[in-house]
C-alpha atoms as a PDB file:
ATOM      1  CA  UNK A   1     104.109  85.762  86.418  1.00  0.00           C
ATOM      2  CA  UNK A   2     104.687  86.770  90.058  1.00  0.00           C
ATOM      3  CA  UNK A   3     106.871  83.929  91.274  1.00  0.00           C
ATOM      4  CA  UNK A   4     108.580  85.126  94.497  1.00  0.00           C
ATOM      5  CA  UNK A   5     111.466  82.738  94.020  1.00  0.00           C
ATOM      6  CA  UNK A   6     112.282  84.455  90.714  1.00  0.00           C
ATOM      7  CA  UNK A   7     111.949  88.047  91.917  1.00  0.00           C
ATOM      8  CA  UNK A   8     115.005  90.047  92.889  1.00  0.00           C
ATOM      9  CA  UNK A   9     115.363  90.951  96.565  1.00  0.00           C
ATOM     10  CA  UNK A  10     115.978  94.605  97.487  1.00  0.00           C
ATOM     11  CA  UNK A  11     117.249  95.875 100.831  1.00  0.00           C
ATOM     12  CA  UNK A  12     114.995  98.015 103.008  1.00  0.00           C
ATOM     13  CA  UNK A  13     115.837 101.599 103.879  1.00  0.00           C
ATOM     14  CA  UNK A  14     116.503 102.344 107.547  1.00  0.00           C
ATOM     15  CA  UNK A  15     112.992 103.785 107.945  1.00  0.00           C
ATOM     16  CA  UNK A  16     111.410 100.736 106.295  1.00  0.00           C
ATOM     17  CA  UNK A  17     113.567  98.410 108.376  1.00  0.00           C
ATOM     18  CA  UNK A  18     112.467 100.120 111.580  1.00  0.00           C
ATOM     19  CA  UNK A  19     108.797 100.127 110.593  1.00  0.00           C
ATOM     20  CA  UNK A  20     108.917  96.455 109.554  1.00  0.00           C
ATOM     21  CA  UNK A  21     110.369  95.451 112.938  1.00  0.00           C
ATOM     22  CA  UNK A  22     107.773  97.572 114.754  1.00  0.00           C
ATOM     23  CA  UNK A  23     105.070  95.693 112.849  1.00  0.00           C
ATOM     24  CA  UNK A  24     106.596  92.358 113.895  1.00  0.00           C
ATOM     25  CA  UNK A  25     106.814  93.361 117.553  1.00  0.00           C
ATOM     26  CA  UNK A  26     103.306  94.795 117.641  1.00  0.00           C
ATOM     27  CA  UNK A  27     101.145  93.812 114.640  1.00  0.00           C
ATOM     28  CA  UNK A  28      98.373  96.115 115.856  1.00  0.00           C
ATOM     29  CA  UNK A  29     100.685  99.028 114.988  1.00  0.00           C
ATOM     30  CA  UNK A  30     100.124  98.291 111.315  1.00  0.00           C
ATOM     31  CA  UNK A  31      97.825 100.782 109.765  1.00  0.00           C
ATOM     32  CA  UNK A  32     100.087 103.798 110.158  1.00  0.00           C
ATOM     33  CA  UNK A  33      99.222 104.712 106.615  1.00  0.00           C
ATOM     34  CA  UNK A  34      98.999 107.727 104.371  1.00  0.00           C
ATOM     35  CA  UNK A  35      95.303 108.110 103.574  1.00  0.00           C
ATOM     36  CA  UNK A  36      93.179 110.535 101.619  1.00  0.00           C
ATOM     37  CA  UNK A  37      89.467 110.723 101.224  1.00  0.00           C
ATOM     38  CA  UNK A  38      87.339 112.872  99.009  1.00  0.00           C
ATOM     39  CA  UNK A  39      83.745 113.535  99.929  1.00  0.00           C
ATOM     40  CA  UNK A  40      80.992 114.254  97.476  1.00  0.00           C
ATOM     41  CA  UNK A  41      82.927 113.189  94.422  1.00  0.00           C
ATOM     42  CA  UNK A  42      80.887 114.134  91.361  1.00  0.00           C
ATOM     43  CA  UNK A  43      81.403 113.007  87.800  1.00  0.00           C
ATOM     44  CA  UNK A  44      83.868 110.231  88.625  1.00  0.00           C
ATOM     45  CA  UNK A  45      82.969 106.571  88.326  1.00  0.00           C
ATOM     46  CA  UNK A  46      84.467 103.784  90.370  1.00  0.00           C
ATOM     47  CA  UNK A  47      85.554 102.095  87.126  1.00  0.00           C
ATOM     48  CA  UNK A  48      87.461 105.178  85.979  1.00  0.00           C
ATOM     49  CA  UNK A  49      89.116 105.537  89.380  1.00  0.00           C
ATOM     50  CA  UNK A  50      90.099 101.862  89.383  1.00  0.00           C
ATOM     51  CA  UNK A  51      91.652 102.190  85.917  1.00  0.00           C
ATOM     52  CA  UNK A  52      93.608 105.281  87.044  1.00  0.00           C
ATOM     53  CA  UNK A  53      94.900 103.621  90.223  1.00  0.00           C
ATOM     54  CA  UNK A  54      95.942 100.540  88.254  1.00  0.00           C
ATOM     55  CA  UNK A  55      97.901 102.840  85.943  1.00  0.00           C
ATOM     56  CA  UNK A  56      99.713 104.241  89.009  1.00  0.00           C
ATOM     57  CA  UNK A  57     100.414 100.707  90.241  1.00  0.00           C
ATOM     58  CA  UNK A  58     101.915  99.800  86.877  1.00  0.00           C
ATOM     59  CA  UNK A  59     103.917 103.062  86.784  1.00  0.00           C
ATOM     60  CA  UNK A  60     105.349 102.874  90.342  1.00  0.00           C
ATOM     61  CA  UNK A  61     107.081  99.599  91.320  1.00  0.00           C
ATOM     62  CA  UNK A  62     106.878 100.255  95.087  1.00  0.00           C
ATOM     63  CA  UNK A  63     103.087  99.957  94.867  1.00  0.00           C
ATOM     64  CA  UNK A  64     103.692  96.348  93.753  1.00  0.00           C
ATOM     65  CA  UNK A  65     106.110  95.484  96.553  1.00  0.00           C
ATOM     66  CA  UNK A  66     105.909  92.755  99.167  1.00  0.00           C
ATOM     67  CA  UNK A  67     108.001  92.715 102.334  1.00  0.00           C
ATOM     68  CA  UNK A  68     109.440  89.946 104.433  1.00  0.00           C
ATOM     69  CA  UNK A  69     112.261  87.591 105.228  1.00  0.00           C
ATOM     70  CA  UNK A  70     113.470  85.827 102.114  1.00  0.00           C
ATOM     71  CA  UNK A  71     116.066  83.115 102.642  1.00  0.00           C
ATOM     72  CA  UNK A  72     116.841  84.722 106.001  1.00  0.00           C
ATOM     73  CA  UNK A  73     117.275  88.212 104.540  1.00  0.00           C
ATOM     74  CA  UNK A  74     114.915  91.095 105.239  1.00  0.00           C
ATOM     75  CA  UNK A  75     113.858  92.956 102.141  1.00  0.00           C
ATOM     76  CA  UNK A  76     111.210  93.563  99.536  1.00  0.00           C
ATOM     77  CA  UNK A  77     110.389  92.245  96.111  1.00  0.00           C
ATOM     78  CA  UNK A  78     108.555  93.850  93.221  1.00  0.00           C
ATOM     79  CA  UNK A  79     105.792  91.912  91.479  1.00  0.00           C
ATOM     80  CA  UNK A  80     105.550  92.230  87.715  1.00  0.00           C
ATOM     81  CA  UNK A  81     101.800  92.719  87.691  1.00  0.00           C
ATOM     82  CA  UNK A  82      99.202  93.451  90.366  1.00  0.00           C
ATOM     83  CA  UNK A  83      95.818  95.098  90.014  1.00  0.00           C
ATOM     84  CA  UNK A  84      93.583  96.678  92.591  1.00  0.00           C
ATOM     85  CA  UNK A  85      89.891  96.050  92.919  1.00  0.00           C
ATOM     86  CA  UNK A  86      88.231  98.938  94.686  1.00  0.00           C
ATOM     87  CA  UNK A  87      86.056  97.913  97.606  1.00  0.00           C
ATOM     88  CA  UNK A  88      82.560  99.136  96.749  1.00  0.00           C
ATOM     89  CA  UNK A  89      79.928  99.956  99.357  1.00  0.00           C
ATOM     90  CA  UNK A  90      76.325 101.025  99.095  1.00  0.00           C
ATOM     91  CA  UNK A  91      76.169 103.874 101.596  1.00  0.00           C
ATOM     92  CA  UNK A  92      72.685 105.044 100.684  1.00  0.00           C
ATOM     93  CA  UNK A  93      71.187 103.863 103.978  1.00  0.00           C
ATOM     94  CA  UNK A  94      74.154 104.465 106.281  1.00  0.00           C
ATOM     95  CA  UNK A  95      73.800 107.133 108.922  1.00  0.00           C
ATOM     96  CA  UNK A  96      76.570 109.754 109.123  1.00  0.00           C
ATOM     97  CA  UNK A  97      78.207 108.218 112.212  1.00  0.00           C
ATOM     98  CA  UNK A  98      78.414 104.717 110.691  1.00  0.00           C
ATOM     99  CA  UNK A  99      79.784 106.124 107.437  1.00  0.00           C
ATOM    100  CA  UNK A 100      82.483 108.062 109.299  1.00  0.00           C
ATOM    101  CA  UNK A 101      83.469 104.943 111.266  1.00  0.00           C
ATOM    102  CA  UNK A 102      83.824 102.906 108.079  1.00  0.00           C
ATOM    103  CA  UNK A 103      85.907 105.592 106.396  1.00  0.00           C
ATOM    104  CA  UNK A 104      88.143 105.837 109.465  1.00  0.00           C
ATOM    105  CA  UNK A 105      88.540 102.052 109.430  1.00  0.00           C
ATOM    106  CA  UNK A 106      89.571 102.169 105.756  1.00  0.00           C
ATOM    107  CA  UNK A 107      92.224 104.765 106.591  1.00  0.00           C
ATOM    108  CA  UNK A 108      93.672 102.290 109.135  1.00  0.00           C
ATOM    109  CA  UNK A 109      93.566  99.380 106.676  1.00  0.00           C
ATOM    110  CA  UNK A 110      96.044  96.648 107.615  1.00  0.00           C
ATOM    111  CA  UNK A 111      98.162  95.565 104.661  1.00  0.00           C
ATOM    112  CA  UNK A 112      99.388  92.007 104.243  1.00  0.00           C
ATOM    113  CA  UNK A 113     103.144  92.548 103.987  1.00  0.00           C
ATOM    114  CA  UNK A 114     103.630  89.396 101.912  1.00  0.00           C
ATOM    115  CA  UNK A 115     101.022  90.370  99.318  1.00  0.00           C
ATOM    116  CA  UNK A 116     102.390  92.761  96.666  1.00  0.00           C
ATOM    117  CA  UNK A 117      99.917  95.619  96.794  1.00  0.00           C
ATOM    118  CA  UNK A 118     100.617  98.756  98.835  1.00  0.00           C
ATOM    119  CA  UNK A 119      97.431 100.690  98.099  1.00  0.00           C
ATOM    120  CA  UNK A 120      93.853 100.110  99.248  1.00  0.00           C
ATOM    121  CA  UNK A 121      90.837 101.940  97.860  1.00  0.00           C
ATOM    122  CA  UNK A 122      87.184 102.047  98.789  1.00  0.00           C
ATOM    123  CA  UNK A 123      84.182 103.730  97.245  1.00  0.00           C
ATOM    124  CA  UNK A 124      81.002 104.659  99.103  1.00  0.00           C
ATOM    125  CA  UNK A 125      78.069 105.354  96.790  1.00  0.00           C
ATOM    126  CA  UNK A 126      75.368 107.253  98.656  1.00  0.00           C
ATOM    127  CA  UNK A 127      73.583 109.067  95.806  1.00  0.00           C
ATOM    128  CA  UNK A 128      73.544 108.209  92.094  1.00  0.00           C
ATOM    129  CA  UNK A 129      75.930 111.075  91.284  1.00  0.00           C
ATOM    130  CA  UNK A 130      77.758 111.522  94.611  1.00  0.00           C
ATOM    131  CA  UNK A 131      80.287 109.246  96.256  1.00  0.00           C
ATOM    132  CA  UNK A 132      83.091 109.188  98.771  1.00  0.00           C
ATOM    133  CA  UNK A 133      86.418 107.674  97.797  1.00  0.00           C
ATOM    134  CA  UNK A 134      89.114 106.606 100.226  1.00  0.00           C
ATOM    135  CA  UNK A 135      92.711 105.901  99.170  1.00  0.00           C
ATOM    136  CA  UNK A 136      95.119 104.372 101.645  1.00  0.00           C
ATOM    137  CA  UNK A 137      98.815 103.856 100.951  1.00  0.00           C
ATOM    138  CA  UNK A 138     100.996 101.609 103.111  1.00  0.00           C
ATOM    139  CA  UNK A 139     103.525 103.868 104.837  1.00  0.00           C
ATOM    140  CA  UNK A 140     106.089 101.082 104.581  1.00  0.00           C
ATOM    141  CA  UNK A 141     106.255 101.742 100.823  1.00  0.00           C
ATOM    142  CA  UNK A 142     104.882 105.268 100.425  1.00  0.00           C
ATOM    143  CA  UNK A 143     106.406 108.091 102.460  1.00  0.00           C
ATOM    144  CA  UNK A 144     105.029 111.617 102.725  1.00  0.00           C
ATOM    145  CA  UNK A 145     106.821 112.909  99.626  1.00  0.00           C
ATOM    146  CA  UNK A 146     105.724 109.929  97.501  1.00  0.00           C
ATOM    147  CA  UNK A 147     102.165 110.248  98.807  1.00  0.00           C
ATOM    148  CA  UNK A 148     101.774 113.762  97.434  1.00  0.00           C
ATOM    149  CA  UNK A 149     103.407 112.791  94.143  1.00  0.00           C
ATOM    150  CA  UNK A 150     101.001 109.855  93.749  1.00  0.00           C
ATOM    151  CA  UNK A 151      97.957 112.015  94.511  1.00  0.00           C
ATOM    152  CA  UNK A 152      99.142 114.645  92.036  1.00  0.00           C
ATOM    153  CA  UNK A 153      99.685 112.009  89.351  1.00  0.00           C
ATOM    154  CA  UNK A 154      96.296 110.437  90.071  1.00  0.00           C
ATOM    155  CA  UNK A 155      94.679 113.844  89.581  1.00  0.00           C
ATOM    156  CA  UNK A 156      96.508 114.265  86.275  1.00  0.00           C
ATOM    157  CA  UNK A 157      95.446 110.816  85.083  1.00  0.00           C
ATOM    158  CA  UNK A 158      91.817 111.489  86.005  1.00  0.00           C
ATOM    159  CA  UNK A 159      92.008 114.851  84.207  1.00  0.00           C
ATOM    160  CA  UNK A 160      93.407 113.061  81.120  1.00  0.00           C
ATOM    161  CA  UNK A 161      96.654 115.020  81.350  1.00  0.00           C
ATOM    162  CA  UNK A 162      99.909 113.510  80.150  1.00  0.00           C
ATOM    163  CA  UNK A 163     102.434 112.507  82.802  1.00  0.00           C
ATOM    164  CA  UNK A 164     106.156 113.028  82.516  1.00  0.00           C
ATOM    165  CA  UNK A 165     107.807 109.722  81.654  1.00  0.00           C
ATOM    166  CA  UNK A 166     109.624 108.037  84.492  1.00  0.00           C
ATOM    167  CA  UNK A 167     113.230 107.355  83.634  1.00  0.00           C
ATOM    168  CA  UNK A 168     113.830 103.650  83.175  1.00  0.00           C
ATOM    169  CA  UNK A 169     116.910 104.137  85.330  1.00  0.00           C
ATOM    170  CA  UNK A 170     115.164 105.843  88.254  1.00  0.00           C
ATOM    171  CA  UNK A 171     114.146 102.572  89.911  1.00  0.00           C
ATOM    172  CA  UNK A 172     117.555 100.992  89.272  1.00  0.00           C
ATOM    173  CA  UNK A 173     119.225 104.093  90.724  1.00  0.00           C
ATOM    174  CA  UNK A 174     116.979 103.916  93.783  1.00  0.00           C
ATOM    175  CA  UNK A 175     117.835 100.223  94.239  1.00  0.00           C
ATOM    176  CA  UNK A 176     121.545 100.976  93.854  1.00  0.00           C
ATOM    177  CA  UNK A 177     121.331 103.770  96.431  1.00  0.00           C
ATOM    178  CA  UNK A 178     119.381 101.551  98.850  1.00  0.00           C
ATOM    179  CA  UNK A 179     121.963  98.781  98.483  1.00  0.00           C
ATOM    180  CA  UNK A 180     124.827 101.235  99.011  1.00  0.00           C
ATOM    181  CA  UNK A 181     123.174 102.607 102.149  1.00  0.00           C
ATOM    182  CA  UNK A 182     122.557  99.087 103.453  1.00  0.00           C
ATOM    183  CA  UNK A 183     126.276  98.299 103.137  1.00  0.00           C
ATOM    184  CA  UNK A 184     127.301 101.307 105.254  1.00  0.00           C
END
């Protein structure tokens, strides 16, 4: 299904190109992500959240991207299918300081550039009906504008609201624009 040799290569934007090279020069700089966490989440289950995030992953190709050098060319590829498994933690016995450290660490999650998943999620269950969720998006694939769009769509999915369909041409148009910019 996800055979890299069969996936089309797309050029990186200037911002992605710069960030990718920064990661190569100093791998500890990875983790400059867009993160969100919600404390005291009530009425949401980890299973429902996982289903909603997987819907976003299916809906937005950049969340299924992998980055690297392919046949000597820097770019990214889009996997056909990837699913997230939320990292679950029993936080019932964690003190506040330890919990905060773990959440902070999740916000700085280091993504494997060659693995096609640009979102990381964790769930801290500390009471039967209260949890903390952490969502982290790789800044290489999700910029500030996309971040807010994804959070808004996630909220709509969790509220069982219909989403506007994404034009089947929007991704092709984006790829065309990226290729045109790369040629300049």
